[in-house]
Amino acid sequence: MLLWINGPFGGGKTQTAYEIRRRLPGSVVCDPEHVGFGLHRTLPPPLRGDFQDLTAWRQGVYEVLDLALRRYADGPVIVPMTLVEPAYFEEIVGRLREEHGADRVHHFALLAERETVLKRLTERGWGRGLKRESFAVRKLDLCLERLNGPRFAHHIRTDRITVPEVADEVARAAGLRLAPNTDGPLRHRLRRIKVGLSHVRFD
């Protein structure tokens, strides 16, 4: 089974993915951003635009996830990735559904009010606030507009629920059962910081 967790930048995709992995033995996170970062590093800096526009990225992500679905049997494959271009969505998620069935390829869009997402982006700016997240801010309105459409259902509103609760809702919708969440507020906060730090990029 594959769980594609979509949403705007700063919408909680990665935190939700790792919360599911923590509470679902055998599950694994496969992050398509790593494919994009690798492609960027092979290009001269002036040519580094949005890596999703590269056919190599879209085809590579499809092939990797197709392989994971065919060969990985220990648990669900969790994919935290913002993907709002309809053609690209069909090229990857649509193809995977055609090959493996909608009962095995699930898609979720984590949505929140614009102000909520901006607050989250500020918190993850590591002292530089929204300046560090300028790309995410520029894309925010487009992401929210497109992800609200029926193509990108199943929609989950995250304004007033915690990351563990979002993970619970994703799992229920996919017919999965997570281990109980026993974290208190402090441990939950520390886990979020750890996940955030592990995904900080310096290039």
C-alpha atoms as a PDB file:
ATOM      1  CA  MET A   1       0.000   0.000   0.000  1.00  0.00           C
ATOM      2  CA  LEU A   2       1.091   3.565  -0.726  1.00  0.00           C
ATOM      3  CA  LEU A   3       0.008   6.642   1.244  1.00  0.00           C
ATOM      4  CA  TRP A   4       0.719   9.874  -0.646  1.00  0.00           C
ATOM      5  CA  ILE A   5       0.455  12.762   1.827  1.00  0.00           C
ATOM      6  CA  ASN A   6       0.019  16.005  -0.104  1.00  0.00           C
ATOM      7  CA  GLY A   7      -0.437  19.550   1.140  1.00  0.00           C
ATOM      8  CA  PRO A   8       1.067  23.027   0.964  1.00  0.00           C
ATOM      9  CA  PHE A   9       4.665  23.586   2.010  1.00  0.00           C
ATOM     10  CA  GLY A  10       4.521  23.837   5.784  1.00  0.00           C
ATOM     11  CA  GLY A  11       1.279  21.882   5.926  1.00  0.00           C
ATOM     12  CA  GLY A  12       2.572  19.048   8.121  1.00  0.00           C
ATOM     13  CA  LYS A  13       3.182  16.351   5.493  1.00  0.00           C
ATOM     14  CA  THR A  14       6.578  15.206   6.725  1.00  0.00           C
ATOM     15  CA  GLN A  15       5.640  15.327  10.403  1.00  0.00           C
ATOM     16  CA  THR A  16       2.541  13.239   9.660  1.00  0.00           C
ATOM     17  CA  ALA A  17       4.517  10.746   7.575  1.00  0.00           C
ATOM     18  CA  TYR A  18       7.053  10.131  10.331  1.00  0.00           C
ATOM     19  CA  GLU A  19       4.318   9.925  12.973  1.00  0.00           C
ATOM     20  CA  ILE A  20       2.686   7.131  10.955  1.00  0.00           C
ATOM     21  CA  ARG A  21       6.025   5.395  10.493  1.00  0.00           C
ATOM     22  CA  ARG A  22       6.691   5.591  14.244  1.00  0.00           C
ATOM     23  CA  ARG A  23       3.376   3.967  15.100  1.00  0.00           C
ATOM     24  CA  LEU A  24       3.080   1.446  12.249  1.00  0.00           C
ATOM     25  CA  PRO A  25       5.758  -1.269  12.295  1.00  0.00           C
ATOM     26  CA  GLY A  26       7.159  -2.101   8.881  1.00  0.00           C
ATOM     27  CA  SER A  27       6.070   1.145   7.240  1.00  0.00           C
ATOM     28  CA  VAL A  28       8.671   3.221   5.432  1.00  0.00           C
ATOM     29  CA  VAL A  29       8.939   6.850   4.303  1.00  0.00           C
ATOM     30  CA  CYS A  30      10.012   7.418   0.678  1.00  0.00           C
ATOM     31  CA  ASP A  31      10.596  11.130   0.075  1.00  0.00           C
ATOM     32  CA  PRO A  32      10.566  12.244  -3.606  1.00  0.00           C
ATOM     33  CA  GLU A  33      12.316  15.486  -2.651  1.00  0.00           C
ATOM     34  CA  HIS A  34      15.580  13.554  -2.445  1.00  0.00           C
ATOM     35  CA  VAL A  35      15.261  12.698  -6.134  1.00  0.00           C
ATOM     36  CA  GLY A  36      14.744  16.388  -6.890  1.00  0.00           C
ATOM     37  CA  PHE A  37      17.679  17.504  -4.761  1.00  0.00           C
ATOM     38  CA  GLY A  38      19.929  15.000  -6.526  1.00  0.00           C
ATOM     39  CA  LEU A  39      18.874  16.285  -9.932  1.00  0.00           C
ATOM     40  CA  HIS A  40      19.478  19.868  -8.807  1.00  0.00           C
ATOM     41  CA  ARG A  41      23.016  19.000  -7.750  1.00  0.00           C
ATOM     42  CA  THR A  42      23.775  17.723 -11.252  1.00  0.00           C
ATOM     43  CA  LEU A  43      22.771  21.065 -12.792  1.00  0.00           C
ATOM     44  CA  PRO A  44      24.580  24.417 -12.812  1.00  0.00           C
ATOM     45  CA  PRO A  45      22.936  26.707 -10.210  1.00  0.00           C
ATOM     46  CA  PRO A  46      21.418  29.078 -12.812  1.00  0.00           C
ATOM     47  CA  LEU A  47      19.462  26.147 -14.293  1.00  0.00           C
ATOM     48  CA  ARG A  48      17.954  24.971 -11.008  1.00  0.00           C
ATOM     49  CA  GLY A  49      14.268  25.778 -11.283  1.00  0.00           C
ATOM     50  CA  ASP A  50      11.385  23.742  -9.895  1.00  0.00           C
ATOM     51  CA  PHE A  51      12.629  20.160 -10.138  1.00  0.00           C
ATOM     52  CA  GLN A  52       9.053  18.918 -10.624  1.00  0.00           C
ATOM     53  CA  ASP A  53       9.201  20.423 -14.109  1.00  0.00           C
ATOM     54  CA  LEU A  54      11.923  17.912 -15.025  1.00  0.00           C
ATOM     55  CA  THR A  55      10.624  14.834 -16.814  1.00  0.00           C
ATOM     56  CA  ALA A  56      13.461  12.924 -15.143  1.00  0.00           C
ATOM     57  CA  TRP A  57      12.030  13.732 -11.705  1.00  0.00           C
ATOM     58  CA  ARG A  58       8.493  12.658 -12.549  1.00  0.00           C
ATOM     59  CA  GLN A  59       9.544   9.477 -14.301  1.00  0.00           C
ATOM     60  CA  GLY A  60      12.100   8.665 -11.615  1.00  0.00           C
ATOM     61  CA  VAL A  61       9.588   9.101  -8.791  1.00  0.00           C
ATOM     62  CA  TYR A  62       7.051   6.935 -10.601  1.00  0.00           C
ATOM     63  CA  GLU A  63       9.601   4.167 -11.200  1.00  0.00           C
ATOM     64  CA  VAL A  64      10.904   4.199  -7.628  1.00  0.00           C
ATOM     65  CA  LEU A  65       7.433   4.090  -6.075  1.00  0.00           C
ATOM     66  CA  ASP A  66       6.256   1.464  -8.556  1.00  0.00           C
ATOM     67  CA  LEU A  67       9.236  -0.682  -7.530  1.00  0.00           C
ATOM     68  CA  ALA A  68       8.512  -0.118  -3.848  1.00  0.00           C
ATOM     69  CA  LEU A  69       4.892  -1.155  -4.289  1.00  0.00           C
ATOM     70  CA  ARG A  70       5.907  -4.296  -6.163  1.00  0.00           C
ATOM     71  CA  ARG A  71       8.796  -5.413  -3.969  1.00  0.00           C
ATOM     72  CA  TYR A  72       8.379  -3.985  -0.448  1.00  0.00           C
ATOM     73  CA  ALA A  73       6.075  -6.215   1.577  1.00  0.00           C
ATOM     74  CA  ASP A  74       6.757  -5.238   5.201  1.00  0.00           C
ATOM     75  CA  GLY A  75       4.283  -2.362   5.374  1.00  0.00           C
ATOM     76  CA  PRO A  76       2.908   0.746   3.674  1.00  0.00           C
ATOM     77  CA  VAL A  77       5.082   3.138   1.684  1.00  0.00           C
ATOM     78  CA  ILE A  78       4.504   6.698   2.932  1.00  0.00           C
ATOM     79  CA  VAL A  79       5.183   9.572   0.512  1.00  0.00           C
ATOM     80  CA  PRO A  80       5.168  13.144   1.891  1.00  0.00           C
ATOM     81  CA  MET A  81       5.223  15.439  -1.143  1.00  0.00           C
ATOM     82  CA  THR A  82       3.557  18.611  -2.354  1.00  0.00           C
ATOM     83  CA  LEU A  83       2.208  17.956  -5.858  1.00  0.00           C
ATOM     84  CA  VAL A  84      -0.391  20.394  -7.204  1.00  0.00           C
ATOM     85  CA  GLU A  85       0.140  20.451 -10.975  1.00  0.00           C
ATOM     86  CA  PRO A  86      -2.758  18.319 -12.322  1.00  0.00           C
ATOM     87  CA  ALA A  87      -0.776  16.873 -15.240  1.00  0.00           C
ATOM     88  CA  TYR A  88       2.116  15.905 -12.985  1.00  0.00           C
ATOM     89  CA  PHE A  89      -0.303  14.403 -10.460  1.00  0.00           C
ATOM     90  CA  GLU A  90      -1.805  12.165 -13.124  1.00  0.00           C
ATOM     91  CA  GLU A  91       1.639  11.307 -14.455  1.00  0.00           C
ATOM     92  CA  ILE A  92       2.704   9.917 -11.082  1.00  0.00           C
ATOM     93  CA  VAL A  93      -0.237   9.187  -8.765  1.00  0.00           C
ATOM     94  CA  GLY A  94      -2.653   8.478 -11.608  1.00  0.00           C
ATOM     95  CA  ARG A  95      -0.267   5.983 -13.223  1.00  0.00           C
ATOM     96  CA  LEU A  96       0.383   4.278  -9.905  1.00  0.00           C
ATOM     97  CA  ARG A  97      -3.355   3.895  -9.361  1.00  0.00           C
ATOM     98  CA  GLU A  98      -3.778   2.445 -12.845  1.00  0.00           C
ATOM     99  CA  GLU A  99      -1.022  -0.097 -12.218  1.00  0.00           C
ATOM    100  CA  HIS A 100      -1.797  -1.039  -8.621  1.00  0.00           C
ATOM    101  CA  GLY A 101      -5.421  -0.027  -8.004  1.00  0.00           C
ATOM    102  CA  ALA A 102      -7.020   2.762  -6.005  1.00  0.00           C
ATOM    103  CA  ASP A 103      -7.361   0.399  -3.053  1.00  0.00           C
ATOM    104  CA  ARG A 104      -3.562   0.273  -2.785  1.00  0.00           C
ATOM    105  CA  VAL A 105      -2.646   3.847  -3.765  1.00  0.00           C
ATOM    106  CA  HIS A 106      -4.201   6.339  -1.356  1.00  0.00           C
ATOM    107  CA  HIS A 107      -3.904  10.121  -1.600  1.00  0.00           C
ATOM    108  CA  PHE A 108      -4.505  12.662   1.153  1.00  0.00           C
ATOM    109  CA  ALA A 109      -4.340  16.462   1.027  1.00  0.00           C
ATOM    110  CA  LEU A 110      -3.640  18.162   4.353  1.00  0.00           C
ATOM    111  CA  LEU A 111      -5.357  21.548   4.302  1.00  0.00           C
ATOM    112  CA  ALA A 112      -5.453  24.504   6.683  1.00  0.00           C
ATOM    113  CA  GLU A 113      -6.286  28.185   6.634  1.00  0.00           C
ATOM    114  CA  ARG A 114      -3.659  30.423   5.041  1.00  0.00           C
ATOM    115  CA  GLU A 115      -2.860  32.062   8.392  1.00  0.00           C
ATOM    116  CA  THR A 116      -2.308  28.664  10.012  1.00  0.00           C
ATOM    117  CA  VAL A 117       0.169  27.600   7.339  1.00  0.00           C
ATOM    118  CA  LEU A 118       2.029  30.918   7.530  1.00  0.00           C
ATOM    119  CA  LYS A 119       2.372  30.490  11.286  1.00  0.00           C
ATOM    120  CA  ARG A 120       3.815  27.012  10.794  1.00  0.00           C
ATOM    121  CA  LEU A 121       6.248  28.281   8.177  1.00  0.00           C
ATOM    122  CA  THR A 122       7.378  31.005  10.579  1.00  0.00           C
ATOM    123  CA  GLU A 123       7.984  28.430  13.308  1.00  0.00           C
ATOM    124  CA  ARG A 124      10.117  26.255  11.055  1.00  0.00           C
ATOM    125  CA  GLY A 125      12.119  29.223   9.746  1.00  0.00           C
ATOM    126  CA  TRP A 126      14.781  28.594  12.428  1.00  0.00           C
ATOM    127  CA  GLY A 127      15.143  32.215  13.428  1.00  0.00           C
ATOM    128  CA  ARG A 128      14.755  33.701   9.950  1.00  0.00           C
ATOM    129  CA  GLY A 129      10.975  33.477   9.853  1.00  0.00           C
ATOM    130  CA  LEU A 130       9.210  33.648   6.506  1.00  0.00           C
ATOM    131  CA  LYS A 131      12.325  34.984   4.767  1.00  0.00           C
ATOM    132  CA  ARG A 132      13.820  31.502   4.818  1.00  0.00           C
ATOM    133  CA  GLU A 133      10.522  30.076   3.532  1.00  0.00           C
ATOM    134  CA  SER A 134      10.063  32.517   0.642  1.00  0.00           C
ATOM    135  CA  PHE A 135       9.521  29.745  -1.939  1.00  0.00           C
ATOM    136  CA  ALA A 136       6.838  28.145   0.223  1.00  0.00           C
ATOM    137  CA  VAL A 137       5.084  31.487   0.756  1.00  0.00           C
ATOM    138  CA  ARG A 138       5.089  32.263  -2.985  1.00  0.00           C
ATOM    139  CA  LYS A 139       3.469  28.886  -3.710  1.00  0.00           C
ATOM    140  CA  LEU A 140       1.004  28.916  -0.824  1.00  0.00           C
ATOM    141  CA  ASP A 141      -2.071  30.408  -2.486  1.00  0.00           C
ATOM    142  CA  LEU A 142      -1.710  28.218  -5.578  1.00  0.00           C
ATOM    143  CA  CYS A 143      -1.300  25.121  -3.414  1.00  0.00           C
ATOM    144  CA  LEU A 144      -4.374  25.849  -1.321  1.00  0.00           C
ATOM    145  CA  GLU A 145      -6.508  26.671  -4.351  1.00  0.00           C
ATOM    146  CA  ARG A 146      -5.607  23.538  -6.283  1.00  0.00           C
ATOM    147  CA  LEU A 147      -5.557  21.113  -3.394  1.00  0.00           C
ATOM    148  CA  ASN A 148      -9.104  22.107  -2.431  1.00  0.00           C
ATOM    149  CA  GLY A 149     -10.343  20.656  -5.734  1.00  0.00           C
ATOM    150  CA  PRO A 150     -11.933  17.197  -6.043  1.00  0.00           C
ATOM    151  CA  ARG A 151      -8.949  15.804  -7.960  1.00  0.00           C
ATOM    152  CA  PHE A 152      -6.872  16.031  -4.783  1.00  0.00           C
ATOM    153  CA  ALA A 153      -9.301  14.435  -2.316  1.00  0.00           C
ATOM    154  CA  HIS A 154      -9.173  12.873   0.343  1.00  0.00           C
ATOM    155  CA  HIS A 155      -9.061  16.230   2.199  1.00  0.00           C
ATOM    156  CA  ILE A 156      -8.082  16.501   5.868  1.00  0.00           C
ATOM    157  CA  ARG A 157      -8.403  19.817   7.715  1.00  0.00           C
ATOM    158  CA  THR A 158      -5.524  20.223  10.144  1.00  0.00           C
ATOM    159  CA  ASP A 159      -6.135  23.651  11.706  1.00  0.00           C
ATOM    160  CA  ARG A 160      -7.444  22.324  15.004  1.00  0.00           C
ATOM    161  CA  ILE A 161      -5.990  18.832  15.288  1.00  0.00           C
ATOM    162  CA  THR A 162      -2.543  17.604  16.265  1.00  0.00           C
ATOM    163  CA  VAL A 163      -0.067  15.695  14.116  1.00  0.00           C
ATOM    164  CA  PRO A 164      -0.897  12.386  15.884  1.00  0.00           C
ATOM    165  CA  GLU A 165      -4.594  13.029  15.211  1.00  0.00           C
ATOM    166  CA  VAL A 166      -3.885  13.735  11.544  1.00  0.00           C
ATOM    167  CA  ALA A 167      -1.943  10.464  11.386  1.00  0.00           C
ATOM    168  CA  ASP A 168      -4.885   8.643  12.976  1.00  0.00           C
ATOM    169  CA  GLU A 169      -7.275  10.043  10.360  1.00  0.00           C
ATOM    170  CA  VAL A 170      -4.999   9.069   7.469  1.00  0.00           C
ATOM    171  CA  ALA A 171      -4.661   5.567   8.844  1.00  0.00           C
ATOM    172  CA  ARG A 172      -8.408   5.124   9.383  1.00  0.00           C
ATOM    173  CA  ALA A 173      -9.186   6.252   5.857  1.00  0.00           C
ATOM    174  CA  ALA A 174      -6.677   3.734   4.476  1.00  0.00           C
ATOM    175  CA  GLY A 175      -7.974   0.907   6.663  1.00  0.00           C
ATOM    176  CA  LEU A 176      -4.845   0.782   8.827  1.00  0.00           C
ATOM    177  CA  ARG A 177      -4.473   0.588  12.576  1.00  0.00           C
ATOM    178  CA  LEU A 178      -1.744   2.588  14.288  1.00  0.00           C
ATOM    179  CA  ALA A 179      -0.261   1.787  17.662  1.00  0.00           C
ATOM    180  CA  PRO A 180      -1.652   4.072  20.375  1.00  0.00           C
ATOM    181  CA  ASN A 181       0.026   7.443  20.752  1.00  0.00           C
ATOM    182  CA  THR A 182       1.510   7.544  24.261  1.00  0.00           C
ATOM    183  CA  ASP A 183       3.559  10.744  23.866  1.00  0.00           C
ATOM    184  CA  GLY A 184       2.951  13.612  26.229  1.00  0.00           C
ATOM    185  CA  PRO A 185       3.194  17.237  25.034  1.00  0.00           C
ATOM    186  CA  LEU A 186       6.939  17.536  25.746  1.00  0.00           C
ATOM    187  CA  ARG A 187       7.942  14.328  24.008  1.00  0.00           C
ATOM    188  CA  HIS A 188       5.697  15.186  21.062  1.00  0.00           C
ATOM    189  CA  ARG A 189       7.382  18.584  20.773  1.00  0.00           C
ATOM    190  CA  LEU A 190      10.841  17.020  20.912  1.00  0.00           C
ATOM    191  CA  ARG A 191       9.911  14.522  18.201  1.00  0.00           C
ATOM    192  CA  ARG A 192       8.712  17.340  15.933  1.00  0.00           C
ATOM    193  CA  ILE A 193      11.950  19.242  16.468  1.00  0.00           C
ATOM    194  CA  LYS A 194      13.992  16.133  15.678  1.00  0.00           C
ATOM    195  CA  VAL A 195      12.100  15.503  12.433  1.00  0.00           C
ATOM    196  CA  GLY A 196      12.366  19.168  11.481  1.00  0.00           C
ATOM    197  CA  LEU A 197      16.120  19.294  12.105  1.00  0.00           C
ATOM    198  CA  SER A 198      16.685  16.121  10.096  1.00  0.00           C
ATOM    199  CA  HIS A 199      15.112  17.801   7.054  1.00  0.00           C
ATOM    200  CA  VAL A 200      16.976  21.114   7.166  1.00  0.00           C
ATOM    201  CA  ARG A 201      18.910  21.707   3.944  1.00  0.00           C
ATOM    202  CA  PHE A 202      21.894  24.000   3.572  1.00  0.00           C
ATOM    203  CA  ASP A 203      22.241  24.038  -0.219  1.00  0.00           C
END
